[in-house]
Amino acid sequence: MKMTSTTSKGMIRLRALVAMGLLVGAIGVGDADANTAGNYRLTADDLVQVKVFQEPDLDAQARVSGDGTINMALIGAVGVKGKTVDEAAAAITAKLRDGYLVNPQVTVNVVSFSKRMFTVLGEVQTPGRFEIPDNREITLLDAIGMAGSYTGIANRKKIILKRRSGGEEIIREFNGKDLARVTGAEAVIIQPGDVVTVPESIF
């Protein structure tokens, strides 16, 4: 069948649109995956899958223990708590390279996430314990929003954040009105175990 000039132009246009769609789709998925994998930091009770290229005997699923480690064949305990999956893979790679494999290629993926909880108390609509969603950061204002926001008698200028770090309790105070103007890297990020208290306003 002979293809006319109009048909030919239409086919070229169609191929171009399909190519653009595939390109945009690939970029979108790639960026989302990069953000997800890059931002999340491993914590206790996360279940991870470790794969070592062409070394199936070293592949493993392991749960991050309370001390922040996973156990692997040959190299034993590896500290991964607080690391991204890429950083965890690098730590495992370094141990495998130290006397075991010449050029280990390691990938780490999260199979299931632990429940990461925080508490909001005081003058909010629904005080209680809340879960940090998987692969998402929660700011201090997000936390108050998850608790239904402030009551009518809340002191928005004195939000108290309690956090345990290195066995010590750290207490910080924030002005909610100031926090509303803070974005990006300056935002206060909630960590598992945090306790947020909104006190009553004293008139």
N, C-alpha and C. Protein backbone atom coordinates (compact mmCIF):
# COMPACT_ATOMS: atom_id res chain seq x y z
N MET A 1 0.85 -1.20 0.00
CA MET A 1 0.00 0.00 0.00
C MET A 1 0.88 1.24 0.00
N LYS A 2 0.55 2.21 -0.85
CA LYS A 2 1.34 3.43 -0.96
C LYS A 2 0.95 4.41 0.14
N MET A 3 1.98 4.97 0.81
CA MET A 3 1.72 5.90 1.91
C MET A 3 1.73 7.33 1.37
N THR A 4 0.67 8.07 1.63
CA THR A 4 0.59 9.46 1.17
C THR A 4 1.45 10.35 2.03
N SER A 5 1.70 11.57 1.54
CA SER A 5 2.50 12.55 2.29
C SER A 5 1.84 12.90 3.62
N THR A 6 0.49 13.02 3.60
CA THR A 6 -0.23 13.37 4.83
C THR A 6 -0.11 12.26 5.86
N THR A 7 -0.26 10.99 5.36
CA THR A 7 -0.15 9.86 6.26
C THR A 7 1.25 9.76 6.84
N SER A 8 2.26 10.00 5.98
CA SER A 8 3.65 9.93 6.43
C SER A 8 3.93 10.95 7.52
N LYS A 9 3.43 12.20 7.31
CA LYS A 9 3.63 13.24 8.32
C LYS A 9 2.94 12.87 9.63
N GLY A 10 1.74 12.27 9.48
CA GLY A 10 1.01 11.89 10.68
C GLY A 10 1.74 10.82 11.47
N MET A 11 2.33 9.86 10.78
CA MET A 11 3.07 8.80 11.46
C MET A 11 4.29 9.35 12.16
N ILE A 12 4.98 10.28 11.50
CA ILE A 12 6.17 10.90 12.11
C ILE A 12 5.77 11.65 13.38
N ARG A 13 4.65 12.40 13.29
CA ARG A 13 4.17 13.15 14.45
C ARG A 13 3.80 12.21 15.59
N LEU A 14 3.15 11.08 15.25
CA LEU A 14 2.74 10.11 16.26
C LEU A 14 3.96 9.51 16.96
N ARG A 15 4.97 9.13 16.14
CA ARG A 15 6.19 8.56 16.74
C ARG A 15 6.87 9.56 17.67
N ALA A 16 6.87 10.83 17.26
CA ALA A 16 7.50 11.86 18.09
C ALA A 16 6.78 12.01 19.42
N LEU A 17 5.43 12.01 19.36
CA LEU A 17 4.64 12.14 20.59
C LEU A 17 4.86 10.96 21.52
N VAL A 18 4.89 9.75 20.94
CA VAL A 18 5.13 8.56 21.75
C VAL A 18 6.49 8.62 22.41
N ALA A 19 7.50 9.03 21.63
CA ALA A 19 8.86 9.13 22.17
C ALA A 19 8.93 10.13 23.30
N MET A 20 8.26 11.28 23.12
CA MET A 20 8.24 12.30 24.17
C MET A 20 7.56 11.78 25.41
N GLY A 21 6.45 11.06 25.20
CA GLY A 21 5.72 10.52 26.35
C GLY A 21 6.56 9.52 27.12
N LEU A 22 7.27 8.65 26.40
CA LEU A 22 8.12 7.67 27.06
C LEU A 22 9.25 8.35 27.81
N LEU A 23 9.82 9.41 27.21
CA LEU A 23 10.92 10.12 27.83
C LEU A 23 10.47 10.81 29.10
N VAL A 24 9.33 11.52 29.02
CA VAL A 24 8.82 12.21 30.20
C VAL A 24 8.48 11.21 31.28
N GLY A 25 7.84 10.07 30.89
CA GLY A 25 7.49 9.05 31.87
C GLY A 25 8.72 8.50 32.56
N ALA A 26 9.77 8.25 31.77
CA ALA A 26 10.98 7.71 32.36
C ALA A 26 11.62 8.68 33.32
N ILE A 27 11.63 9.97 32.94
CA ILE A 27 12.22 10.98 33.82
C ILE A 27 11.41 11.09 35.10
N GLY A 28 10.09 11.09 34.99
CA GLY A 28 9.24 11.22 36.18
C GLY A 28 9.44 10.08 37.15
N VAL A 29 9.46 8.85 36.64
CA VAL A 29 9.64 7.69 37.52
C VAL A 29 11.02 7.71 38.14
N GLY A 30 12.01 8.05 37.34
CA GLY A 30 13.38 8.07 37.86
C GLY A 30 13.54 9.06 38.99
N ASP A 31 12.99 10.27 38.81
CA ASP A 31 13.10 11.29 39.84
C ASP A 31 12.41 10.87 41.12
N ALA A 32 11.23 10.26 40.99
CA ALA A 32 10.48 9.82 42.17
C ALA A 32 11.26 8.76 42.92
N ASP A 33 11.81 7.78 42.16
CA ASP A 33 12.57 6.71 42.80
C ASP A 33 13.80 7.27 43.50
N ALA A 34 14.45 8.24 42.85
CA ALA A 34 15.66 8.81 43.43
C ALA A 34 15.34 9.53 44.73
N ASN A 35 14.23 10.29 44.74
CA ASN A 35 13.86 11.00 45.96
C ASN A 35 13.54 10.03 47.07
N THR A 36 12.79 8.96 46.73
CA THR A 36 12.39 7.98 47.74
C THR A 36 13.60 7.29 48.33
N ALA A 37 14.47 6.77 47.47
CA ALA A 37 15.62 6.03 47.95
C ALA A 37 16.63 6.93 48.62
N GLY A 38 16.78 8.15 48.12
CA GLY A 38 17.82 9.02 48.63
C GLY A 38 17.52 9.64 49.97
N ASN A 39 16.25 9.90 50.27
CA ASN A 39 15.91 10.63 51.49
C ASN A 39 15.70 9.74 52.71
N TYR A 40 15.19 8.54 52.52
CA TYR A 40 14.84 7.70 53.66
C TYR A 40 16.09 7.15 54.35
N ARG A 41 16.09 7.23 55.68
CA ARG A 41 17.21 6.70 56.46
C ARG A 41 16.73 5.51 57.29
N LEU A 42 17.48 4.44 57.23
CA LEU A 42 17.10 3.20 57.87
C LEU A 42 17.02 3.35 59.38
N THR A 43 16.09 2.62 59.97
CA THR A 43 15.93 2.65 61.42
C THR A 43 15.65 1.24 61.92
N ALA A 44 15.65 1.08 63.25
CA ALA A 44 15.44 -0.24 63.84
C ALA A 44 14.11 -0.84 63.39
N ASP A 45 14.12 -2.15 63.13
CA ASP A 45 12.96 -2.94 62.71
C ASP A 45 12.64 -2.82 61.22
N ASP A 46 13.36 -2.00 60.48
CA ASP A 46 13.21 -2.05 59.02
C ASP A 46 13.71 -3.41 58.53
N LEU A 47 13.02 -3.96 57.55
CA LEU A 47 13.46 -5.21 56.92
C LEU A 47 14.08 -4.86 55.57
N VAL A 48 15.35 -5.24 55.38
CA VAL A 48 16.06 -4.88 54.15
C VAL A 48 16.49 -6.13 53.40
N GLN A 49 16.61 -5.98 52.10
CA GLN A 49 17.12 -7.05 51.24
C GLN A 49 18.48 -6.61 50.70
N VAL A 50 19.47 -7.47 50.90
CA VAL A 50 20.83 -7.19 50.44
C VAL A 50 21.17 -8.17 49.32
N LYS A 51 21.62 -7.66 48.19
CA LYS A 51 22.05 -8.50 47.08
C LYS A 51 23.49 -8.16 46.70
N VAL A 52 24.28 -9.20 46.53
CA VAL A 52 25.67 -9.04 46.09
C VAL A 52 25.78 -9.67 44.71
N PHE A 53 26.14 -8.89 43.73
CA PHE A 53 26.15 -9.34 42.33
C PHE A 53 27.05 -10.56 42.15
N GLN A 54 26.46 -11.60 41.57
CA GLN A 54 27.14 -12.86 41.27
C GLN A 54 27.66 -13.58 42.52
N GLU A 55 27.09 -13.26 43.67
CA GLU A 55 27.43 -13.95 44.92
C GLU A 55 26.13 -14.31 45.65
N PRO A 56 25.33 -15.22 45.10
CA PRO A 56 24.02 -15.51 45.68
C PRO A 56 24.07 -16.01 47.12
N ASP A 57 25.20 -16.64 47.53
CA ASP A 57 25.31 -17.12 48.90
C ASP A 57 25.36 -15.98 49.91
N LEU A 58 25.66 -14.78 49.43
CA LEU A 58 25.74 -13.62 50.32
C LEU A 58 24.44 -12.80 50.32
N ASP A 59 23.53 -13.12 49.40
CA ASP A 59 22.24 -12.41 49.41
C ASP A 59 21.49 -12.71 50.70
N ALA A 60 20.80 -11.70 51.22
CA ALA A 60 20.12 -11.90 52.50
C ALA A 60 18.99 -10.92 52.69
N GLN A 61 18.02 -11.34 53.50
CA GLN A 61 17.03 -10.42 54.06
C GLN A 61 17.33 -10.32 55.54
N ALA A 62 17.41 -9.11 56.05
CA ALA A 62 17.77 -8.93 57.45
C ALA A 62 16.98 -7.76 58.04
N ARG A 63 16.63 -7.90 59.32
CA ARG A 63 15.93 -6.83 60.02
C ARG A 63 16.94 -6.02 60.83
N VAL A 64 16.82 -4.71 60.74
CA VAL A 64 17.74 -3.84 61.47
C VAL A 64 17.46 -3.99 62.97
N SER A 65 18.47 -4.35 63.71
CA SER A 65 18.31 -4.61 65.14
C SER A 65 18.23 -3.30 65.93
N GLY A 66 17.97 -3.45 67.22
CA GLY A 66 17.87 -2.26 68.08
C GLY A 66 19.14 -1.46 68.15
N ASP A 67 20.31 -2.14 67.96
CA ASP A 67 21.57 -1.40 68.00
C ASP A 67 21.95 -0.85 66.63
N GLY A 68 21.04 -1.02 65.64
CA GLY A 68 21.25 -0.40 64.33
C GLY A 68 22.06 -1.21 63.35
N THR A 69 22.22 -2.51 63.60
CA THR A 69 23.04 -3.33 62.71
C THR A 69 22.20 -4.42 62.03
N ILE A 70 22.76 -4.97 60.95
CA ILE A 70 22.25 -6.19 60.34
C ILE A 70 23.41 -7.19 60.31
N ASN A 71 23.07 -8.47 60.31
CA ASN A 71 24.11 -9.50 60.28
C ASN A 71 24.15 -10.16 58.92
N MET A 72 25.38 -10.33 58.41
CA MET A 72 25.57 -10.95 57.10
C MET A 72 26.63 -12.04 57.18
N ALA A 73 26.51 -12.99 56.25
CA ALA A 73 27.53 -14.04 56.16
C ALA A 73 28.90 -13.42 55.86
N LEU A 74 29.93 -14.02 56.38
CA LEU A 74 31.33 -13.62 56.22
C LEU A 74 31.71 -12.41 57.07
N ILE A 75 30.92 -11.34 56.98
CA ILE A 75 31.37 -10.07 57.59
C ILE A 75 30.68 -9.75 58.91
N GLY A 76 29.66 -10.51 59.29
CA GLY A 76 29.02 -10.28 60.58
C GLY A 76 28.17 -9.02 60.61
N ALA A 77 28.22 -8.30 61.73
CA ALA A 77 27.36 -7.14 61.95
C ALA A 77 27.86 -5.93 61.17
N VAL A 78 26.90 -5.23 60.54
CA VAL A 78 27.20 -4.00 59.80
C VAL A 78 26.24 -2.92 60.28
N GLY A 79 26.76 -1.78 60.67
CA GLY A 79 25.91 -0.67 61.12
C GLY A 79 25.23 0.02 59.95
N VAL A 80 23.89 0.03 59.97
CA VAL A 80 23.15 0.66 58.87
C VAL A 80 22.13 1.69 59.36
N LYS A 81 21.85 1.72 60.65
CA LYS A 81 20.85 2.67 61.17
C LYS A 81 21.28 4.10 60.89
N GLY A 82 20.35 4.90 60.40
CA GLY A 82 20.66 6.30 60.09
C GLY A 82 21.25 6.50 58.71
N LYS A 83 21.47 5.41 57.99
CA LYS A 83 22.04 5.50 56.64
C LYS A 83 20.94 5.36 55.59
N THR A 84 21.17 5.96 54.43
CA THR A 84 20.31 5.70 53.27
C THR A 84 20.65 4.31 52.74
N VAL A 85 19.84 3.78 51.83
CA VAL A 85 20.14 2.46 51.27
C VAL A 85 21.47 2.47 50.52
N ASP A 86 21.79 3.59 49.88
CA ASP A 86 23.07 3.68 49.16
C ASP A 86 24.24 3.70 50.15
N GLU A 87 24.07 4.42 51.26
CA GLU A 87 25.13 4.46 52.27
C GLU A 87 25.30 3.10 52.94
N ALA A 88 24.18 2.40 53.16
CA ALA A 88 24.26 1.05 53.74
C ALA A 88 24.98 0.11 52.79
N ALA A 89 24.67 0.21 51.49
CA ALA A 89 25.35 -0.62 50.50
C ALA A 89 26.85 -0.33 50.49
N ALA A 90 27.22 0.93 50.64
CA ALA A 90 28.63 1.30 50.66
C ALA A 90 29.34 0.72 51.88
N ALA A 91 28.65 0.71 53.03
CA ALA A 91 29.24 0.15 54.25
C ALA A 91 29.47 -1.35 54.11
N ILE A 92 28.50 -2.05 53.52
CA ILE A 92 28.64 -3.49 53.30
C ILE A 92 29.74 -3.76 52.28
N THR A 93 29.79 -2.96 51.23
CA THR A 93 30.82 -3.10 50.20
C THR A 93 32.21 -2.98 50.80
N ALA A 94 32.39 -1.99 51.67
CA ALA A 94 33.70 -1.77 52.29
C ALA A 94 34.14 -2.98 53.11
N LYS A 95 33.19 -3.59 53.84
CA LYS A 95 33.54 -4.76 54.65
C LYS A 95 33.85 -5.97 53.78
N LEU A 96 33.09 -6.16 52.71
CA LEU A 96 33.34 -7.28 51.81
C LEU A 96 34.67 -7.13 51.07
N ARG A 97 35.02 -5.90 50.75
CA ARG A 97 36.27 -5.65 50.04
C ARG A 97 37.49 -5.89 50.94
N ASP A 98 37.27 -5.82 52.24
CA ASP A 98 38.36 -5.97 53.20
C ASP A 98 38.68 -7.46 53.43
N GLY A 99 39.27 -8.09 52.41
CA GLY A 99 39.75 -9.45 52.57
C GLY A 99 38.83 -10.54 52.06
N TYR A 100 37.67 -10.17 51.46
CA TYR A 100 36.73 -11.20 51.02
C TYR A 100 36.50 -11.18 49.51
N LEU A 101 36.11 -10.04 48.95
CA LEU A 101 35.84 -9.94 47.52
C LEU A 101 36.66 -8.80 46.92
N VAL A 102 37.05 -8.99 45.66
CA VAL A 102 37.89 -7.98 44.99
C VAL A 102 37.08 -6.74 44.64
N ASN A 103 35.94 -6.94 44.00
CA ASN A 103 35.12 -5.80 43.56
C ASN A 103 33.64 -6.08 43.82
N PRO A 104 33.23 -6.11 45.08
CA PRO A 104 31.82 -6.42 45.39
C PRO A 104 30.88 -5.33 44.91
N GLN A 105 29.75 -5.76 44.33
CA GLN A 105 28.72 -4.83 43.90
C GLN A 105 27.45 -5.14 44.70
N VAL A 106 27.12 -4.22 45.59
CA VAL A 106 26.06 -4.46 46.58
C VAL A 106 24.89 -3.50 46.36
N THR A 107 23.69 -4.03 46.44
CA THR A 107 22.49 -3.19 46.45
C THR A 107 21.68 -3.52 47.70
N VAL A 108 21.05 -2.48 48.25
CA VAL A 108 20.20 -2.64 49.44
C VAL A 108 18.85 -2.01 49.13
N ASN A 109 17.78 -2.75 49.43
CA ASN A 109 16.42 -2.23 49.26
C ASN A 109 15.62 -2.50 50.53
N VAL A 110 14.67 -1.61 50.81
CA VAL A 110 13.80 -1.80 51.97
C VAL A 110 12.62 -2.67 51.56
N VAL A 111 12.44 -3.79 52.26
CA VAL A 111 11.32 -4.69 52.01
C VAL A 111 10.09 -4.20 52.75
N SER A 112 10.26 -3.84 54.01
CA SER A 112 9.15 -3.29 54.80
C SER A 112 9.72 -2.33 55.84
N PHE A 113 8.94 -1.31 56.12
CA PHE A 113 9.38 -0.27 57.04
C PHE A 113 8.86 -0.54 58.45
N SER A 114 9.64 -0.15 59.45
CA SER A 114 9.16 -0.23 60.82
C SER A 114 8.13 0.87 61.06
N LYS A 115 7.33 0.71 62.10
CA LYS A 115 6.40 1.77 62.46
C LYS A 115 7.17 2.83 63.24
N ARG A 116 7.17 4.03 62.71
CA ARG A 116 7.90 5.14 63.35
C ARG A 116 6.86 6.09 63.95
N MET A 117 6.84 6.14 65.28
CA MET A 117 5.79 6.86 65.98
C MET A 117 6.31 8.13 66.65
N PHE A 118 5.42 9.12 66.79
CA PHE A 118 5.69 10.31 67.58
C PHE A 118 4.42 10.67 68.33
N THR A 119 4.52 11.56 69.31
CA THR A 119 3.39 11.90 70.17
C THR A 119 3.16 13.41 70.16
N VAL A 120 1.90 13.80 70.11
CA VAL A 120 1.54 15.22 70.22
C VAL A 120 0.59 15.36 71.42
N LEU A 121 0.93 16.24 72.34
CA LEU A 121 0.16 16.44 73.56
C LEU A 121 -0.25 17.90 73.72
N GLY A 122 -1.15 18.14 74.68
CA GLY A 122 -1.51 19.52 75.02
C GLY A 122 -2.67 20.05 74.22
N GLU A 123 -2.58 21.33 73.87
CA GLU A 123 -3.71 22.04 73.27
C GLU A 123 -3.78 21.85 71.76
N VAL A 124 -4.09 20.59 71.39
CA VAL A 124 -4.41 20.25 70.01
C VAL A 124 -5.76 19.52 70.02
N GLN A 125 -6.38 19.43 68.86
CA GLN A 125 -7.74 18.87 68.81
C GLN A 125 -7.78 17.37 69.14
N THR A 126 -6.81 16.61 68.66
CA THR A 126 -6.80 15.17 68.90
C THR A 126 -5.41 14.71 69.33
N PRO A 127 -5.04 14.98 70.59
CA PRO A 127 -3.72 14.54 71.06
C PRO A 127 -3.60 13.03 71.03
N GLY A 128 -2.36 12.55 70.86
CA GLY A 128 -2.14 11.10 70.84
C GLY A 128 -0.87 10.75 70.11
N ARG A 129 -0.74 9.45 69.78
CA ARG A 129 0.42 8.95 69.05
C ARG A 129 0.09 8.83 67.57
N PHE A 130 1.07 9.16 66.73
CA PHE A 130 0.86 9.17 65.29
C PHE A 130 2.05 8.50 64.62
N GLU A 131 1.78 7.96 63.44
CA GLU A 131 2.82 7.25 62.69
C GLU A 131 3.38 8.13 61.59
N ILE A 132 4.70 8.14 61.46
CA ILE A 132 5.35 8.84 60.36
C ILE A 132 5.19 7.99 59.11
N PRO A 133 4.57 8.51 58.06
CA PRO A 133 4.37 7.70 56.84
C PRO A 133 5.69 7.24 56.25
N ASP A 134 5.66 6.07 55.62
CA ASP A 134 6.87 5.55 54.97
C ASP A 134 7.38 6.52 53.92
N ASN A 135 8.70 6.67 53.91
CA ASN A 135 9.36 7.47 52.87
C ASN A 135 8.88 8.91 52.81
N ARG A 136 8.52 9.46 53.96
CA ARG A 136 8.09 10.85 53.96
C ARG A 136 8.57 11.54 55.22
N GLU A 137 9.01 12.78 55.08
CA GLU A 137 9.43 13.55 56.24
C GLU A 137 8.25 14.36 56.77
N ILE A 138 8.12 14.43 58.10
CA ILE A 138 7.06 15.18 58.75
C ILE A 138 7.69 16.35 59.49
N THR A 139 7.25 17.55 59.21
CA THR A 139 7.76 18.71 59.93
C THR A 139 7.00 18.87 61.23
N LEU A 140 7.49 19.76 62.08
CA LEU A 140 6.84 20.01 63.36
C LEU A 140 5.42 20.53 63.15
N LEU A 141 5.23 21.39 62.18
CA LEU A 141 3.88 21.89 61.89
C LEU A 141 3.00 20.80 61.29
N ASP A 142 3.59 19.91 60.48
CA ASP A 142 2.83 18.77 59.97
C ASP A 142 2.30 17.92 61.12
N ALA A 143 3.16 17.73 62.14
CA ALA A 143 2.78 16.92 63.29
C ALA A 143 1.58 17.51 64.01
N ILE A 144 1.58 18.82 64.18
CA ILE A 144 0.46 19.49 64.84
C ILE A 144 -0.79 19.38 63.97
N GLY A 145 -0.61 19.47 62.66
CA GLY A 145 -1.73 19.31 61.74
C GLY A 145 -2.33 17.91 61.81
N MET A 146 -1.49 16.89 61.96
CA MET A 146 -1.98 15.53 62.08
C MET A 146 -2.78 15.33 63.36
N ALA A 147 -2.51 16.16 64.36
CA ALA A 147 -3.26 16.10 65.62
C ALA A 147 -4.48 17.03 65.60
N GLY A 148 -4.86 17.48 64.42
CA GLY A 148 -6.07 18.29 64.30
C GLY A 148 -5.88 19.78 64.45
N SER A 149 -4.62 20.22 64.55
CA SER A 149 -4.27 21.63 64.72
C SER A 149 -4.55 22.12 66.14
N TYR A 150 -4.33 23.42 66.36
CA TYR A 150 -4.42 24.00 67.69
C TYR A 150 -5.86 24.10 68.19
N THR A 151 -5.99 24.12 69.50
CA THR A 151 -7.28 24.50 70.10
C THR A 151 -7.33 26.02 70.19
N GLY A 152 -8.45 26.53 70.63
CA GLY A 152 -8.61 27.98 70.74
C GLY A 152 -7.77 28.62 71.83
N ILE A 153 -7.29 27.80 72.78
CA ILE A 153 -6.51 28.39 73.88
C ILE A 153 -5.03 27.97 73.81
N ALA A 154 -4.60 27.49 72.66
CA ALA A 154 -3.21 27.04 72.52
C ALA A 154 -2.25 28.22 72.47
N ASN A 155 -1.08 28.02 73.07
CA ASN A 155 -0.01 29.01 72.99
C ASN A 155 0.86 28.67 71.78
N ARG A 156 0.57 29.30 70.67
CA ARG A 156 1.27 28.98 69.42
C ARG A 156 2.70 29.50 69.40
N LYS A 157 3.05 30.33 70.35
CA LYS A 157 4.39 30.89 70.39
C LYS A 157 5.35 30.04 71.20
N LYS A 158 4.86 28.96 71.81
CA LYS A 158 5.71 28.13 72.66
C LYS A 158 5.41 26.65 72.43
N ILE A 159 5.94 26.10 71.37
CA ILE A 159 5.78 24.67 71.07
C ILE A 159 7.02 23.95 71.58
N ILE A 160 6.80 22.95 72.42
CA ILE A 160 7.91 22.24 73.06
C ILE A 160 8.15 20.90 72.37
N LEU A 161 9.40 20.65 72.01
CA LEU A 161 9.79 19.40 71.37
C LEU A 161 10.79 18.67 72.26
N LYS A 162 10.43 17.44 72.67
CA LYS A 162 11.34 16.61 73.46
C LYS A 162 11.83 15.46 72.60
N ARG A 163 13.13 15.22 72.67
CA ARG A 163 13.74 14.18 71.83
C ARG A 163 14.90 13.54 72.58
N ARG A 164 15.00 12.21 72.48
CA ARG A 164 16.13 11.51 73.08
C ARG A 164 17.20 11.30 72.02
N SER A 165 18.42 11.64 72.39
CA SER A 165 19.54 11.51 71.47
C SER A 165 20.79 11.14 72.26
N GLY A 166 21.39 10.00 71.90
CA GLY A 166 22.59 9.56 72.61
C GLY A 166 22.34 9.30 74.08
N GLY A 167 21.12 8.85 74.43
CA GLY A 167 20.79 8.56 75.82
C GLY A 167 20.39 9.77 76.64
N GLU A 168 20.38 10.94 76.03
CA GLU A 168 20.01 12.16 76.75
C GLU A 168 18.73 12.75 76.18
N GLU A 169 17.95 13.42 77.04
CA GLU A 169 16.74 14.09 76.59
C GLU A 169 17.04 15.53 76.22
N ILE A 170 16.67 15.89 75.03
CA ILE A 170 16.88 17.25 74.54
C ILE A 170 15.52 17.94 74.46
N ILE A 171 15.42 19.14 75.02
CA ILE A 171 14.17 19.90 75.00
C ILE A 171 14.41 21.21 74.26
N ARG A 172 13.57 21.47 73.26
CA ARG A 172 13.69 22.72 72.50
C ARG A 172 12.32 23.38 72.41
N GLU A 173 12.34 24.70 72.31
CA GLU A 173 11.09 25.46 72.18
C GLU A 173 11.08 26.20 70.86
N PHE A 174 9.90 26.26 70.23
CA PHE A 174 9.75 26.91 68.94
C PHE A 174 8.52 27.81 68.95
N ASN A 175 8.60 28.87 68.17
CA ASN A 175 7.46 29.75 67.96
C ASN A 175 6.75 29.27 66.70
N GLY A 176 5.50 28.81 66.87
CA GLY A 176 4.75 28.27 65.74
C GLY A 176 4.56 29.27 64.62
N LYS A 177 4.43 30.53 64.97
CA LYS A 177 4.24 31.56 63.94
C LYS A 177 5.50 31.72 63.10
N ASP A 178 6.66 31.58 63.75
CA ASP A 178 7.91 31.63 63.01
C ASP A 178 8.07 30.41 62.11
N LEU A 179 7.67 29.24 62.64
CA LEU A 179 7.80 28.01 61.87
C LEU A 179 6.98 28.05 60.59
N ALA A 180 5.87 28.78 60.63
CA ALA A 180 5.00 28.86 59.46
C ALA A 180 5.70 29.56 58.29
N ARG A 181 6.75 30.31 58.60
CA ARG A 181 7.47 31.02 57.54
C ARG A 181 8.74 30.29 57.10
N VAL A 182 9.00 29.15 57.73
CA VAL A 182 10.22 28.39 57.43
C VAL A 182 9.92 27.28 56.44
N THR A 183 10.77 27.12 55.45
CA THR A 183 10.59 26.06 54.45
C THR A 183 11.93 25.38 54.16
N GLY A 184 11.85 24.27 53.45
CA GLY A 184 13.05 23.59 52.97
C GLY A 184 13.91 23.05 54.09
N ALA A 185 15.23 23.23 53.94
CA ALA A 185 16.20 22.63 54.86
C ALA A 185 16.09 23.19 56.27
N GLU A 186 15.46 24.37 56.44
CA GLU A 186 15.37 24.99 57.75
C GLU A 186 14.19 24.45 58.56
N ALA A 187 13.31 23.68 57.95
CA ALA A 187 12.14 23.15 58.66
C ALA A 187 12.58 22.14 59.72
N VAL A 188 11.85 22.10 60.83
CA VAL A 188 12.14 21.16 61.91
C VAL A 188 11.47 19.82 61.58
N ILE A 189 12.29 18.78 61.43
CA ILE A 189 11.79 17.46 61.02
C ILE A 189 11.57 16.58 62.24
N ILE A 190 10.39 15.96 62.30
CA ILE A 190 10.06 15.05 63.39
C ILE A 190 10.82 13.74 63.23
N GLN A 191 11.31 13.21 64.37
CA GLN A 191 11.99 11.92 64.37
C GLN A 191 11.20 10.94 65.22
N PRO A 192 11.34 9.63 64.96
CA PRO A 192 10.64 8.64 65.78
C PRO A 192 10.93 8.82 67.26
N GLY A 193 9.88 8.76 68.07
CA GLY A 193 10.04 8.92 69.51
C GLY A 193 9.88 10.34 70.01
N ASP A 194 9.80 11.31 69.11
CA ASP A 194 9.63 12.71 69.52
C ASP A 194 8.31 12.91 70.25
N VAL A 195 8.32 13.84 71.22
CA VAL A 195 7.10 14.24 71.93
C VAL A 195 6.93 15.75 71.74
N VAL A 196 5.82 16.13 71.13
CA VAL A 196 5.51 17.54 70.88
C VAL A 196 4.40 17.95 71.86
N THR A 197 4.63 19.07 72.55
CA THR A 197 3.63 19.57 73.51
C THR A 197 3.27 21.02 73.17
N VAL A 198 1.99 21.27 73.03
CA VAL A 198 1.50 22.64 72.81
C VAL A 198 0.82 23.08 74.11
N PRO A 199 1.43 24.00 74.86
CA PRO A 199 0.85 24.40 76.15
C PRO A 199 -0.32 25.34 75.99
N GLU A 200 -1.02 25.54 77.08
CA GLU A 200 -2.14 26.47 77.11
C GLU A 200 -1.63 27.90 77.17
N SER A 201 -2.31 28.78 76.48
CA SER A 201 -1.93 30.19 76.50
C SER A 201 -2.38 30.82 77.82
N ILE A 202 -1.49 31.61 78.40
CA ILE A 202 -1.81 32.30 79.66
C ILE A 202 -2.15 33.75 79.32
N PHE A 203 -3.38 34.12 79.54
CA PHE A 203 -3.83 35.47 79.18
C PHE A 203 -3.48 36.45 80.27
